[in-house]
Amino acid sequence: MSVSRRFTRGIAQRLMLVLLAGLLWLGSSLFAAPAYAADAPDSKRYIAADGTDLTAMAQCLPKELSKGNLSRALQESKNDFLEKVFDVKDNYDDYKLDETEIAYLACVESKGVIPQVKR
């Protein structure tokens, strides 16, 4: 009886070690460096499920916006964030915009795409 209990306990311990190692591996892969669309070749196309071509938006995405940054999020909340979300003003140019957002909109327009906020 004690042999089978010891055997079962040994299997359970090994199973728990494998499970813990898998969780550690999964956790480390979640914090890997993000992929940047700007590093992709210009020939790569980004197509949405509905067939919309999103290539210009992906190529213009600044590196600052592809990383999580709490201080930037707090700073951005001062720039009429809720007003933009709820589309309070008639003209998008009336909102406070930071340099990154202005550069992104200019890049998208330079590729021949009219952003939704300008329509």
PDB file of N, CA and C in Angstrom:
ATOM      1  N   MET A   1       0.812  -1.183   0.000  1.00  0.00           N
ATOM      2  CA  MET A   1       0.000   0.000   0.000  1.00  0.00           C
ATOM      3  C   MET A   1       0.863   1.257   0.000  1.00  0.00           C
ATOM      4  N   SER A   2       1.928   1.253   0.788  1.00  0.00           N
ATOM      5  CA  SER A   2       2.770   2.440   0.852  1.00  0.00           C
ATOM      6  C   SER A   2       3.556   2.640  -0.442  1.00  0.00           C
ATOM      7  N   VAL A   3       3.850   1.543  -1.167  1.00  0.00           N
ATOM      8  CA  VAL A   3       4.557   1.656  -2.439  1.00  0.00           C
ATOM      9  C   VAL A   3       3.676   2.358  -3.467  1.00  0.00           C
ATOM     10  N   SER A   4       2.411   1.981  -3.544  1.00  0.00           N
ATOM     11  CA  SER A   4       1.520   2.621  -4.514  1.00  0.00           C
ATOM     12  C   SER A   4       1.254   4.086  -4.128  1.00  0.00           C
ATOM     13  N   ARG A   5       1.167   4.369  -2.840  1.00  0.00           N
ATOM     14  CA  ARG A   5       0.969   5.754  -2.398  1.00  0.00           C
ATOM     15  C   ARG A   5       2.196   6.598  -2.750  1.00  0.00           C
ATOM     16  N   ARG A   6       3.396   6.051  -2.522  1.00  0.00           N
ATOM     17  CA  ARG A   6       4.637   6.749  -2.854  1.00  0.00           C
ATOM     18  C   ARG A   6       4.731   6.961  -4.369  1.00  0.00           C
ATOM     19  N   PHE A   7       4.351   5.954  -5.124  1.00  0.00           N
ATOM     20  CA  PHE A   7       4.367   6.050  -6.589  1.00  0.00           C
ATOM     21  C   PHE A   7       3.399   7.130  -7.067  1.00  0.00           C
ATOM     22  N   THR A   8       2.200   7.155  -6.511  1.00  0.00           N
ATOM     23  CA  THR A   8       1.201   8.161  -6.886  1.00  0.00           C
ATOM     24  C   THR A   8       1.669   9.558  -6.505  1.00  0.00           C
ATOM     25  N   ARG A   9       2.253   9.697  -5.330  1.00  0.00           N
ATOM     26  CA  ARG A   9       2.768  10.987  -4.878  1.00  0.00           C
ATOM     27  C   ARG A   9       3.899  11.465  -5.800  1.00  0.00           C
ATOM     28  N   GLY A  10       4.766  10.555  -6.223  1.00  0.00           N
ATOM     29  CA  GLY A  10       5.864  10.911  -7.124  1.00  0.00           C
ATOM     30  C   GLY A  10       5.348  11.392  -8.473  1.00  0.00           C
ATOM     31  N   ILE A  11       4.332  10.728  -8.994  1.00  0.00           N
ATOM     32  CA  ILE A  11       3.734  11.141 -10.265  1.00  0.00           C
ATOM     33  C   ILE A  11       3.069  12.502 -10.112  1.00  0.00           C
ATOM     34  N   ALA A  12       2.371  12.715  -9.014  1.00  0.00           N
ATOM     35  CA  ALA A  12       1.707  13.998  -8.771  1.00  0.00           C
ATOM     36  C   ALA A  12       2.728  15.134  -8.670  1.00  0.00           C
ATOM     37  N   GLN A  13       3.853  14.860  -7.998  1.00  0.00           N
ATOM     38  CA  GLN A  13       4.890  15.888  -7.880  1.00  0.00           C
ATOM     39  C   GLN A  13       5.484  16.224  -9.245  1.00  0.00           C
ATOM     40  N   ARG A  14       5.751  15.203 -10.041  1.00  0.00           N
ATOM     41  CA  ARG A  14       6.305  15.455 -11.377  1.00  0.00           C
ATOM     42  C   ARG A  14       5.316  16.224 -12.252  1.00  0.00           C
ATOM     43  N   LEU A  15       4.049  15.857 -12.154  1.00  0.00           N
ATOM     44  CA  LEU A  15       3.016  16.548 -12.912  1.00  0.00           C
ATOM     45  C   LEU A  15       2.922  18.021 -12.502  1.00  0.00           C
ATOM     46  N   MET A  16       3.003  18.289 -11.218  1.00  0.00           N
ATOM     47  CA  MET A  16       2.965  19.669 -10.732  1.00  0.00           C
ATOM     48  C   MET A  16       4.191  20.451 -11.208  1.00  0.00           C
ATOM     49  N   LEU A  17       5.370  19.820 -11.236  1.00  0.00           N
ATOM     50  CA  LEU A  17       6.577  20.488 -11.725  1.00  0.00           C
ATOM     51  C   LEU A  17       6.447  20.831 -13.210  1.00  0.00           C
ATOM     52  N   VAL A  18       5.918  19.903 -13.993  1.00  0.00           N
ATOM     53  CA  VAL A  18       5.718  20.154 -15.422  1.00  0.00           C
ATOM     54  C   VAL A  18       4.718  21.284 -15.623  1.00  0.00           C
ATOM     55  N   LEU A  19       3.647  21.280 -14.849  1.00  0.00           N
ATOM     56  CA  LEU A  19       2.638  22.334 -14.935  1.00  0.00           C
ATOM     57  C   LEU A  19       3.226  23.688 -14.553  1.00  0.00           C
ATOM     58  N   LEU A  20       4.004  23.740 -13.495  1.00  0.00           N
ATOM     59  CA  LEU A  20       4.648  24.981 -13.065  1.00  0.00           C
ATOM     60  C   LEU A  20       5.627  25.480 -14.124  1.00  0.00           C
ATOM     61  N   ALA A  21       6.415  24.574 -14.700  1.00  0.00           N
ATOM     62  CA  ALA A  21       7.358  24.968 -15.752  1.00  0.00           C
ATOM     63  C   ALA A  21       6.610  25.514 -16.969  1.00  0.00           C
ATOM     64  N   GLY A  22       5.490  24.892 -17.316  1.00  0.00           N
ATOM     65  CA  GLY A  22       4.687  25.384 -18.447  1.00  0.00           C
ATOM     66  C   GLY A  22       4.120  26.765 -18.176  1.00  0.00           C
ATOM     67  N   LEU A  23       3.640  26.984 -16.962  1.00  0.00           N
ATOM     68  CA  LEU A  23       3.113  28.311 -16.618  1.00  0.00           C
ATOM     69  C   LEU A  23       4.211  29.370 -16.645  1.00  0.00           C
ATOM     70  N   LEU A  24       5.403  29.022 -16.164  1.00  0.00           N
ATOM     71  CA  LEU A  24       6.526  29.973 -16.221  1.00  0.00           C
ATOM     72  C   LEU A  24       6.895  30.288 -17.665  1.00  0.00           C
ATOM     73  N   TRP A  25       6.924  29.280 -18.515  1.00  0.00           N
ATOM     74  CA  TRP A  25       7.239  29.508 -19.922  1.00  0.00           C
ATOM     75  C   TRP A  25       6.179  30.393 -20.578  1.00  0.00           C
ATOM     76  N   LEU A  26       4.919  30.119 -20.298  1.00  0.00           N
ATOM     77  CA  LEU A  26       3.830  30.912 -20.852  1.00  0.00           C
ATOM     78  C   LEU A  26       3.908  32.354 -20.354  1.00  0.00           C
ATOM     79  N   GLY A  27       4.183  32.530 -19.072  1.00  0.00           N
ATOM     80  CA  GLY A  27       4.300  33.872 -18.507  1.00  0.00           C
ATOM     81  C   GLY A  27       5.451  34.653 -19.120  1.00  0.00           C
ATOM     82  N   SER A  28       6.567  33.996 -19.381  1.00  0.00           N
ATOM     83  CA  SER A  28       7.700  34.705 -19.975  1.00  0.00           C
ATOM     84  C   SER A  28       7.421  35.078 -21.423  1.00  0.00           C
ATOM     85  N   SER A  29       6.623  34.280 -22.121  1.00  0.00           N
ATOM     86  CA  SER A  29       6.317  34.608 -23.517  1.00  0.00           C
ATOM     87  C   SER A  29       5.339  35.772 -23.617  1.00  0.00           C
ATOM     88  N   LEU A  30       4.550  36.015 -22.577  1.00  0.00           N
ATOM     89  CA  LEU A  30       3.622  37.148 -22.598  1.00  0.00           C
ATOM     90  C   LEU A  30       4.342  38.478 -22.499  1.00  0.00           C
ATOM     91  N   PHE A  31       5.532  38.483 -21.913  1.00  0.00           N
ATOM     92  CA  PHE A  31       6.277  39.719 -21.739  1.00  0.00           C
ATOM     93  C   PHE A  31       7.397  39.862 -22.758  1.00  0.00           C
ATOM     94  N   ALA A  32       7.289  39.177 -23.868  1.00  0.00           N
ATOM     95  CA  ALA A  32       8.282  39.286 -24.932  1.00  0.00           C
ATOM     96  C   ALA A  32       8.169  40.657 -25.596  1.00  0.00           C
ATOM     97  N   ALA A  33       9.193  41.043 -26.314  1.00  0.00           N
ATOM     98  CA  ALA A  33       9.202  42.346 -26.981  1.00  0.00           C
ATOM     99  C   ALA A  33       8.064  42.419 -28.001  1.00  0.00           C
ATOM    100  N   PRO A  34       7.354  43.539 -28.055  1.00  0.00           N
ATOM    101  CA  PRO A  34       6.250  43.662 -29.008  1.00  0.00           C
ATOM    102  C   PRO A  34       6.754  43.789 -30.439  1.00  0.00           C
ATOM    103  N   ALA A  35       5.950  43.394 -31.371  1.00  0.00           N
ATOM    104  CA  ALA A  35       6.286  43.518 -32.785  1.00  0.00           C
ATOM    105  C   ALA A  35       5.884  44.909 -33.255  1.00  0.00           C
ATOM    106  N   TYR A  36       6.716  45.509 -34.063  1.00  0.00           N
ATOM    107  CA  TYR A  36       6.442  46.846 -34.571  1.00  0.00           C
ATOM    108  C   TYR A  36       6.088  46.759 -36.046  1.00  0.00           C
ATOM    109  N   ALA A  37       5.006  47.384 -36.415  1.00  0.00           N
ATOM    110  CA  ALA A  37       4.588  47.374 -37.809  1.00  0.00           C
ATOM    111  C   ALA A  37       5.565  48.159 -38.673  1.00  0.00           C
ATOM    112  N   ALA A  38       6.235  49.166 -38.110  1.00  0.00           N
ATOM    113  CA  ALA A  38       7.163  49.983 -38.878  1.00  0.00           C
ATOM    114  C   ALA A  38       8.373  49.169 -39.335  1.00  0.00           C
ATOM    115  N   ASP A  39       8.697  48.081 -38.620  1.00  0.00           N
ATOM    116  CA  ASP A  39       9.837  47.254 -38.999  1.00  0.00           C
ATOM    117  C   ASP A  39       9.512  46.304 -40.140  1.00  0.00           C
ATOM    118  N   ALA A  40       8.248  46.190 -40.481  1.00  0.00           N
ATOM    119  CA  ALA A  40       7.833  45.267 -41.529  1.00  0.00           C
ATOM    120  C   ALA A  40       8.150  45.859 -42.901  1.00  0.00           C
ATOM    121  N   PRO A  41       8.412  45.016 -43.866  1.00  0.00           N
ATOM    122  CA  PRO A  41       8.653  45.535 -45.210  1.00  0.00           C
ATOM    123  C   PRO A  41       7.406  46.205 -45.776  1.00  0.00           C
ATOM    124  N   ASP A  42       7.620  47.176 -46.667  1.00  0.00           N
ATOM    125  CA  ASP A  42       6.504  47.920 -47.244  1.00  0.00           C
ATOM    126  C   ASP A  42       5.608  47.043 -48.116  1.00  0.00           C
ATOM    127  N   SER A  43       6.129  45.920 -48.597  1.00  0.00           N
ATOM    128  CA  SER A  43       5.338  45.070 -49.479  1.00  0.00           C
ATOM    129  C   SER A  43       4.304  44.238 -48.719  1.00  0.00           C
ATOM    130  N   LYS A  44       4.440  44.122 -47.408  1.00  0.00           N
ATOM    131  CA  LYS A  44       3.494  43.328 -46.631  1.00  0.00           C
ATOM    132  C   LYS A  44       2.164  44.062 -46.526  1.00  0.00           C
ATOM    133  N   ARG A  45       1.082  43.336 -46.703  1.00  0.00           N
ATOM    134  CA  ARG A  45      -0.262  43.914 -46.670  1.00  0.00           C
ATOM    135  C   ARG A  45      -0.983  43.447 -45.412  1.00  0.00           C
ATOM    136  N   TYR A  46      -1.765  44.326 -44.839  1.00  0.00           N
ATOM    137  CA  TYR A  46      -2.576  44.016 -43.664  1.00  0.00           C
ATOM    138  C   TYR A  46      -4.033  44.176 -44.064  1.00  0.00           C
ATOM    139  N   ILE A  47      -4.745  43.076 -44.119  1.00  0.00           N
ATOM    140  CA  ILE A  47      -6.134  43.077 -44.557  1.00  0.00           C
ATOM    141  C   ILE A  47      -7.022  42.627 -43.394  1.00  0.00           C
ATOM    142  N   ALA A  48      -8.066  43.391 -43.105  1.00  0.00           N
ATOM    143  CA  ALA A  48      -9.014  43.045 -42.039  1.00  0.00           C
ATOM    144  C   ALA A  48      -9.927  41.914 -42.509  1.00  0.00           C
ATOM    145  N   ALA A  49     -10.660  41.341 -41.587  1.00  0.00           N
ATOM    146  CA  ALA A  49     -11.555  40.225 -41.909  1.00  0.00           C
ATOM    147  C   ALA A  49     -12.638  40.633 -42.901  1.00  0.00           C
ATOM    148  N   ASP A  50     -13.041  41.904 -42.874  1.00  0.00           N
ATOM    149  CA  ASP A  50     -14.083  42.352 -43.799  1.00  0.00           C
ATOM    150  C   ASP A  50     -13.520  42.797 -45.148  1.00  0.00           C
ATOM    151  N   GLY A  51     -12.194  42.643 -45.357  1.00  0.00           N
ATOM    152  CA  GLY A  51     -11.574  42.988 -46.628  1.00  0.00           C
ATOM    153  C   GLY A  51     -10.979  44.384 -46.674  1.00  0.00           C
ATOM    154  N   THR A  52     -11.101  45.150 -45.605  1.00  0.00           N
ATOM    155  CA  THR A  52     -10.555  46.503 -45.554  1.00  0.00           C
ATOM    156  C   THR A  52      -9.037  46.442 -45.492  1.00  0.00           C
ATOM    157  N   ASP A  53      -8.375  47.260 -46.297  1.00  0.00           N
ATOM    158  CA  ASP A  53      -6.916  47.313 -46.310  1.00  0.00           C
ATOM    159  C   ASP A  53      -6.442  48.228 -45.184  1.00  0.00           C
ATOM    160  N   LEU A  54      -5.724  47.654 -44.217  1.00  0.00           N
ATOM    161  CA  LEU A  54      -5.233  48.400 -43.058  1.00  0.00           C
ATOM    162  C   LEU A  54      -3.730  48.626 -43.119  1.00  0.00           C
ATOM    163  N   THR A  55      -3.123  48.443 -44.281  1.00  0.00           N
ATOM    164  CA  THR A  55      -1.680  48.526 -44.417  1.00  0.00           C
ATOM    165  C   THR A  55      -1.141  49.888 -44.015  1.00  0.00           C
ATOM    166  N   ALA A  56      -1.771  50.976 -44.462  1.00  0.00           N
ATOM    167  CA  ALA A  56      -1.286  52.316 -44.138  1.00  0.00           C
ATOM    168  C   ALA A  56      -1.332  52.562 -42.633  1.00  0.00           C
ATOM    169  N   MET A  57      -2.407  52.127 -41.983  1.00  0.00           N
ATOM    170  CA  MET A  57      -2.523  52.328 -40.544  1.00  0.00           C
ATOM    171  C   MET A  57      -1.451  51.542 -39.794  1.00  0.00           C
ATOM    172  N   ALA A  58      -1.169  50.310 -40.227  1.00  0.00           N
ATOM    173  CA  ALA A  58      -0.167  49.483 -39.557  1.00  0.00           C
ATOM    174  C   ALA A  58       1.239  50.027 -39.778  1.00  0.00           C
ATOM    175  N   GLN A  59       1.529  50.527 -40.973  1.00  0.00           N
ATOM    176  CA  GLN A  59       2.856  51.041 -41.260  1.00  0.00           C
ATOM    177  C   GLN A  59       3.119  52.372 -40.558  1.00  0.00           C
ATOM    178  N   CYS A  60       2.078  53.134 -40.290  1.00  0.00           N
ATOM    179  CA  CYS A  60       2.238  54.442 -39.653  1.00  0.00           C
ATOM    180  C   CYS A  60       2.199  54.377 -38.130  1.00  0.00           C
ATOM    181  N   LEU A  61       1.876  53.224 -37.557  1.00  0.00           N
ATOM    182  CA  LEU A  61       1.749  53.113 -36.108  1.00  0.00           C
ATOM    183  C   LEU A  61       3.086  53.418 -35.434  1.00  0.00           C
ATOM    184  N   PRO A  62       3.143  54.481 -34.615  1.00  0.00           N
ATOM    185  CA  PRO A  62       4.408  54.839 -33.952  1.00  0.00           C
ATOM    186  C   PRO A  62       4.784  53.816 -32.885  1.00  0.00           C
ATOM    187  N   LYS A  63       6.078  53.660 -32.647  1.00  0.00           N
ATOM    188  CA  LYS A  63       6.553  52.710 -31.645  1.00  0.00           C
ATOM    189  C   LYS A  63       6.059  53.092 -30.251  1.00  0.00           C
ATOM    190  N   GLU A  64       5.876  54.386 -29.986  1.00  0.00           N
ATOM    191  CA  GLU A  64       5.423  54.816 -28.660  1.00  0.00           C
ATOM    192  C   GLU A  64       4.031  54.262 -28.349  1.00  0.00           C
ATOM    193  N   LEU A  65       3.211  54.093 -29.385  1.00  0.00           N
ATOM    194  CA  LEU A  65       1.844  53.628 -29.168  1.00  0.00           C
ATOM    195  C   LEU A  65       1.741  52.115 -29.113  1.00  0.00           C
ATOM    196  N   SER A  66       2.798  51.400 -29.469  1.00  0.00           N
ATOM    197  CA  SER A  66       2.740  49.943 -29.449  1.00  0.00           C
ATOM    198  C   SER A  66       3.284  49.370 -28.146  1.00  0.00           C
ATOM    199  N   LYS A  67       3.697  50.231 -27.216  1.00  0.00           N
ATOM    200  CA  LYS A  67       4.174  49.790 -25.913  1.00  0.00           C
ATOM    201  C   LYS A  67       3.227  50.304 -24.840  1.00  0.00           C
ATOM    202  N   GLY A  68       3.035  49.518 -23.802  1.00  0.00           N
ATOM    203  CA  GLY A  68       2.234  49.981 -22.669  1.00  0.00           C
ATOM    204  C   GLY A  68       3.027  50.978 -21.844  1.00  0.00           C
ATOM    205  N   ASN A  69       2.425  52.127 -21.518  1.00  0.00           N
ATOM    206  CA  ASN A  69       3.115  53.150 -20.756  1.00  0.00           C
ATOM    207  C   ASN A  69       2.087  53.898 -19.919  1.00  0.00           C
ATOM    208  N   LEU A  70       2.118  53.680 -18.612  1.00  0.00           N
ATOM    209  CA  LEU A  70       1.124  54.286 -17.731  1.00  0.00           C
ATOM    210  C   LEU A  70       1.220  55.804 -17.721  1.00  0.00           C
ATOM    211  N   SER A  71       2.432  56.350 -17.676  1.00  0.00           N
ATOM    212  CA  SER A  71       2.567  57.811 -17.640  1.00  0.00           C
ATOM    213  C   SER A  71       2.033  58.440 -18.922  1.00  0.00           C
ATOM    214  N   ARG A  72       2.253  57.779 -20.058  1.00  0.00           N
ATOM    215  CA  ARG A  72       1.725  58.304 -21.318  1.00  0.00           C
ATOM    216  C   ARG A  72       0.196  58.231 -21.324  1.00  0.00           C
ATOM    217  N   ALA A  73      -0.357  57.150 -20.781  1.00  0.00           N
ATOM    218  CA  ALA A  73      -1.815  57.019 -20.720  1.00  0.00           C
ATOM    219  C   ALA A  73      -2.424  58.106 -19.839  1.00  0.00           C
ATOM    220  N   LEU A  74      -1.776  58.398 -18.713  1.00  0.00           N
ATOM    221  CA  LEU A  74      -2.277  59.468 -17.846  1.00  0.00           C
ATOM    222  C   LEU A  74      -2.158  60.830 -18.521  1.00  0.00           C
ATOM    223  N   GLN A  75      -1.048  61.044 -19.239  1.00  0.00           N
ATOM    224  CA  GLN A  75      -0.872  62.303 -19.964  1.00  0.00           C
ATOM    225  C   GLN A  75      -1.913  62.429 -21.066  1.00  0.00           C
ATOM    226  N   GLU A  76      -2.180  61.332 -21.739  1.00  0.00           N
ATOM    227  CA  GLU A  76      -3.145  61.325 -22.840  1.00  0.00           C
ATOM    228  C   GLU A  76      -4.564  61.583 -22.322  1.00  0.00           C
ATOM    229  N   SER A  77      -4.846  61.182 -21.085  1.00  0.00           N
ATOM    230  CA  SER A  77      -6.182  61.406 -20.533  1.00  0.00           C
ATOM    231  C   SER A  77      -6.467  62.890 -20.341  1.00  0.00           C
ATOM    232  N   LYS A  78      -5.435  63.706 -20.302  1.00  0.00           N
ATOM    233  CA  LYS A  78      -5.627  65.160 -20.199  1.00  0.00           C
ATOM    234  C   LYS A  78      -5.951  65.781 -21.551  1.00  0.00           C
ATOM    235  N   ASN A  79      -5.662  65.082 -22.626  1.00  0.00           N
ATOM    236  CA  ASN A  79      -5.839  65.617 -23.977  1.00  0.00           C
ATOM    237  C   ASN A  79      -7.231  65.326 -24.521  1.00  0.00           C
ATOM    238  N   ASP A  80      -8.253  65.747 -23.832  1.00  0.00           N
ATOM    239  CA  ASP A  80      -9.637  65.579 -24.282  1.00  0.00           C
ATOM    240  C   ASP A  80      -9.964  64.129 -24.622  1.00  0.00           C
ATOM    241  N   PHE A  81      -9.412  63.187 -23.877  1.00  0.00           N
ATOM    242  CA  PHE A  81      -9.582  61.777 -24.204  1.00  0.00           C
ATOM    243  C   PHE A  81     -11.054  61.367 -24.218  1.00  0.00           C
ATOM    244  N   LEU A  82     -11.766  61.657 -23.137  1.00  0.00           N
ATOM    245  CA  LEU A  82     -13.174  61.249 -23.078  1.00  0.00           C
ATOM    246  C   LEU A  82     -14.010  61.983 -24.123  1.00  0.00           C
ATOM    247  N   GLU A  83     -13.681  63.226 -24.384  1.00  0.00           N
ATOM    248  CA  GLU A  83     -14.412  63.966 -25.418  1.00  0.00           C
ATOM    249  C   GLU A  83     -14.221  63.315 -26.784  1.00  0.00           C
ATOM    250  N   LYS A  84     -12.979  62.835 -27.052  1.00  0.00           N
ATOM    251  CA  LYS A  84     -12.714  62.139 -28.324  1.00  0.00           C
ATOM    252  C   LYS A  84     -13.483  60.828 -28.389  1.00  0.00           C
ATOM    253  N   VAL A  85     -13.500  60.088 -27.276  1.00  0.00           N
ATOM    254  CA  VAL A  85     -14.180  58.792 -27.251  1.00  0.00           C
ATOM    255  C   VAL A  85     -15.659  58.958 -27.541  1.00  0.00           C
ATOM    256  N   PHE A  86     -16.283  59.972 -26.930  1.00  0.00           N
ATOM    257  CA  PHE A  86     -17.715  60.174 -27.102  1.00  0.00           C
ATOM    258  C   PHE A  86     -18.049  61.141 -28.233  1.00  0.00           C
ATOM    259  N   ASP A  87     -17.035  61.567 -28.995  1.00  0.00           N
ATOM    260  CA  ASP A  87     -17.224  62.401 -30.185  1.00  0.00           C
ATOM    261  C   ASP A  87     -18.086  63.629 -29.869  1.00  0.00           C
ATOM    262  N   VAL A  88     -17.628  64.414 -28.887  1.00  0.00           N
ATOM    263  CA  VAL A  88     -18.380  65.561 -28.401  1.00  0.00           C
ATOM    264  C   VAL A  88     -18.327  66.739 -29.371  1.00  0.00           C
ATOM    265  N   LYS A  89     -17.148  67.001 -29.928  1.00  0.00           N
ATOM    266  CA  LYS A  89     -16.968  68.170 -30.793  1.00  0.00           C
ATOM    267  C   LYS A  89     -17.229  67.805 -32.250  1.00  0.00           C
ATOM    268  N   ASP A  90     -17.677  68.798 -33.010  1.00  0.00           N
ATOM    269  CA  ASP A  90     -17.989  68.559 -34.418  1.00  0.00           C
ATOM    270  C   ASP A  90     -16.738  68.370 -35.261  1.00  0.00           C
ATOM    271  N   ASN A  91     -15.681  69.109 -34.958  1.00  0.00           N
ATOM    272  CA  ASN A  91     -14.460  69.075 -35.746  1.00  0.00           C
ATOM    273  C   ASN A  91     -13.352  68.419 -34.918  1.00  0.00           C
ATOM    274  N   TYR A  92     -12.680  67.416 -35.461  1.00  0.00           N
ATOM    275  CA  TYR A  92     -11.637  66.704 -34.730  1.00  0.00           C
ATOM    276  C   TYR A  92     -10.439  67.595 -34.438  1.00  0.00           C
ATOM    277  N   ASP A  93     -10.203  68.602 -35.259  1.00  0.00           N
ATOM    278  CA  ASP A  93      -9.071  69.501 -35.047  1.00  0.00           C
ATOM    279  C   ASP A  93      -9.268  70.397 -33.824  1.00  0.00           C
ATOM    280  N   ASP A  94     -10.479  70.446 -33.261  1.00  0.00           N
ATOM    281  CA  ASP A  94     -10.727  71.257 -32.074  1.00  0.00           C
ATOM    282  C   ASP A  94     -10.241  70.580 -30.791  1.00  0.00           C
ATOM    283  N   TYR A  95      -9.925  69.284 -30.838  1.00  0.00           N
ATOM    284  CA  TYR A  95      -9.423  68.572 -29.662  1.00  0.00           C
ATOM    285  C   TYR A  95      -7.949  68.876 -29.458  1.00  0.00           C
ATOM    286  N   LYS A  96      -7.482  68.692 -28.207  1.00  0.00           N
ATOM    287  CA  LYS A  96      -6.053  68.786 -27.916  1.00  0.00           C
ATOM    288  C   LYS A  96      -5.403  67.495 -28.399  1.00  0.00           C
ATOM    289  N   LEU A  97      -4.433  67.587 -29.291  1.00  0.00           N
ATOM    290  CA  LEU A  97      -3.731  66.420 -29.840  1.00  0.00           C
ATOM    291  C   LEU A  97      -2.260  66.515 -29.468  1.00  0.00           C
ATOM    292  N   ASP A  98      -1.646  65.375 -29.142  1.00  0.00           N
ATOM    293  CA  ASP A  98      -0.212  65.427 -28.885  1.00  0.00           C
ATOM    294  C   ASP A  98       0.552  65.136 -30.178  1.00  0.00           C
ATOM    295  N   GLU A  99       1.868  65.311 -30.123  1.00  0.00           N
ATOM    296  CA  GLU A  99       2.696  65.220 -31.344  1.00  0.00           C
ATOM    297  C   GLU A  99       2.602  63.854 -32.003  1.00  0.00           C
ATOM    298  N   THR A 100       2.529  62.798 -31.194  1.00  0.00           N
ATOM    299  CA  THR A 100       2.475  61.445 -31.750  1.00  0.00           C
ATOM    300  C   THR A 100       1.208  61.238 -32.562  1.00  0.00           C
ATOM    301  N   GLU A 101       0.085  61.714 -32.044  1.00  0.00           N
ATOM    302  CA  GLU A 101      -1.178  61.558 -32.759  1.00  0.00           C
ATOM    303  C   GLU A 101      -1.193  62.397 -34.031  1.00  0.00           C
ATOM    304  N   ILE A 102      -0.629  63.593 -33.971  1.00  0.00           N
ATOM    305  CA  ILE A 102      -0.553  64.455 -35.154  1.00  0.00           C
ATOM    306  C   ILE A 102       0.313  63.807 -36.229  1.00  0.00           C
ATOM    307  N   ALA A 103       1.466  63.242 -35.812  1.00  0.00           N
ATOM    308  CA  ALA A 103       2.357  62.578 -36.765  1.00  0.00           C
ATOM    309  C   ALA A 103       1.689  61.354 -37.385  1.00  0.00           C
ATOM    310  N   TYR A 104       0.950  60.595 -36.578  1.00  0.00           N
ATOM    311  CA  TYR A 104       0.248  59.414 -37.087  1.00  0.00           C
ATOM    312  C   TYR A 104      -0.788  59.817 -38.136  1.00  0.00           C
ATOM    313  N   LEU A 105      -1.601  60.823 -37.830  1.00  0.00           N
ATOM    314  CA  LEU A 105      -2.627  61.263 -38.789  1.00  0.00           C
ATOM    315  C   LEU A 105      -1.997  61.787 -40.076  1.00  0.00           C
ATOM    316  N   ALA A 106      -0.872  62.520 -39.952  1.00  0.00           N
ATOM    317  CA  ALA A 106      -0.183  63.031 -41.141  1.00  0.00           C
ATOM    318  C   ALA A 106       0.379  61.887 -41.979  1.00  0.00           C
ATOM    319  N   CYS A 107       0.923  60.874 -41.339  1.00  0.00           N
ATOM    320  CA  CYS A 107       1.477  59.727 -42.058  1.00  0.00           C
ATOM    321  C   CYS A 107       0.385  58.985 -42.823  1.00  0.00           C
ATOM    322  N   VAL A 108      -0.741  58.746 -42.163  1.00  0.00           N
ATOM    323  CA  VAL A 108      -1.841  58.033 -42.806  1.00  0.00           C
ATOM    324  C   VAL A 108      -2.358  58.835 -43.999  1.00  0.00           C
ATOM    325  N   GLU A 109      -2.492  60.139 -43.828  1.00  0.00           N
ATOM    326  CA  GLU A 109      -2.959  60.982 -44.939  1.00  0.00           C
ATOM    327  C   GLU A 109      -1.948  61.007 -46.080  1.00  0.00           C
ATOM    328  N   SER A 110      -0.646  60.941 -45.759  1.00  0.00           N
ATOM    329  CA  SER A 110       0.380  60.943 -46.808  1.00  0.00           C
ATOM    330  C   SER A 110       0.338  59.664 -47.644  1.00  0.00           C
ATOM    331  N   LYS A 111      -0.216  58.596 -47.088  1.00  0.00           N
ATOM    332  CA  LYS A 111      -0.348  57.334 -47.819  1.00  0.00           C
ATOM    333  C   LYS A 111      -1.665  57.263 -48.589  1.00  0.00           C
ATOM    334  N   GLY A 112      -2.418  58.363 -48.579  1.00  0.00           N
ATOM    335  CA  GLY A 112      -3.641  58.435 -49.368  1.00  0.00           C
ATOM    336  C   GLY A 112      -4.896  57.943 -48.666  1.00  0.00           C
ATOM    337  N   VAL A 113      -4.832  57.773 -47.355  1.00  0.00           N
ATOM    338  CA  VAL A 113      -5.983  57.291 -46.601  1.00  0.00           C
ATOM    339  C   VAL A 113      -6.543  58.460 -45.795  1.00  0.00           C
ATOM    340  N   ILE A 114      -7.835  58.666 -45.889  1.00  0.00           N
ATOM    341  CA  ILE A 114      -8.479  59.708 -45.082  1.00  0.00           C
ATOM    342  C   ILE A 114      -8.917  59.049 -43.779  1.00  0.00           C
ATOM    343  N   PRO A 115      -8.351  59.497 -42.639  1.00  0.00           N
ATOM    344  CA  PRO A 115      -8.736  58.888 -41.357  1.00  0.00           C
ATOM    345  C   PRO A 115     -10.223  59.078 -41.068  1.00  0.00           C
ATOM    346  N   GLN A 116     -10.798  58.156 -40.335  1.00  0.00           N
ATOM    347  CA  GLN A 116     -12.212  58.204 -39.989  1.00  0.00           C
ATOM    348  C   GLN A 116     -12.559  59.501 -39.260  1.00  0.00           C
ATOM    349  N   VAL A 117     -11.640  60.000 -38.452  1.00  0.00           N
ATOM    350  CA  VAL A 117     -11.928  61.212 -37.690  1.00  0.00           C
ATOM    351  C   VAL A 117     -12.010  62.451 -38.558  1.00  0.00           C
ATOM    352  N   LYS A 118     -11.477  62.389 -39.771  1.00  0.00           N
ATOM    353  CA  LYS A 118     -11.499  63.532 -40.685  1.00  0.00           C
ATOM    354  C   LYS A 118     -12.656  63.462 -41.664  1.00  0.00           C
ATOM    355  N   ARG A 119     -13.425  62.373 -41.648  1.00  0.00           N
ATOM    356  CA  ARG A 119     -14.537  62.218 -42.598  1.00  0.00           C
ATOM    357  C   ARG A 119     -15.756  62.938 -42.144  1.00  0.00           C
TER     358      ARG A 119
END
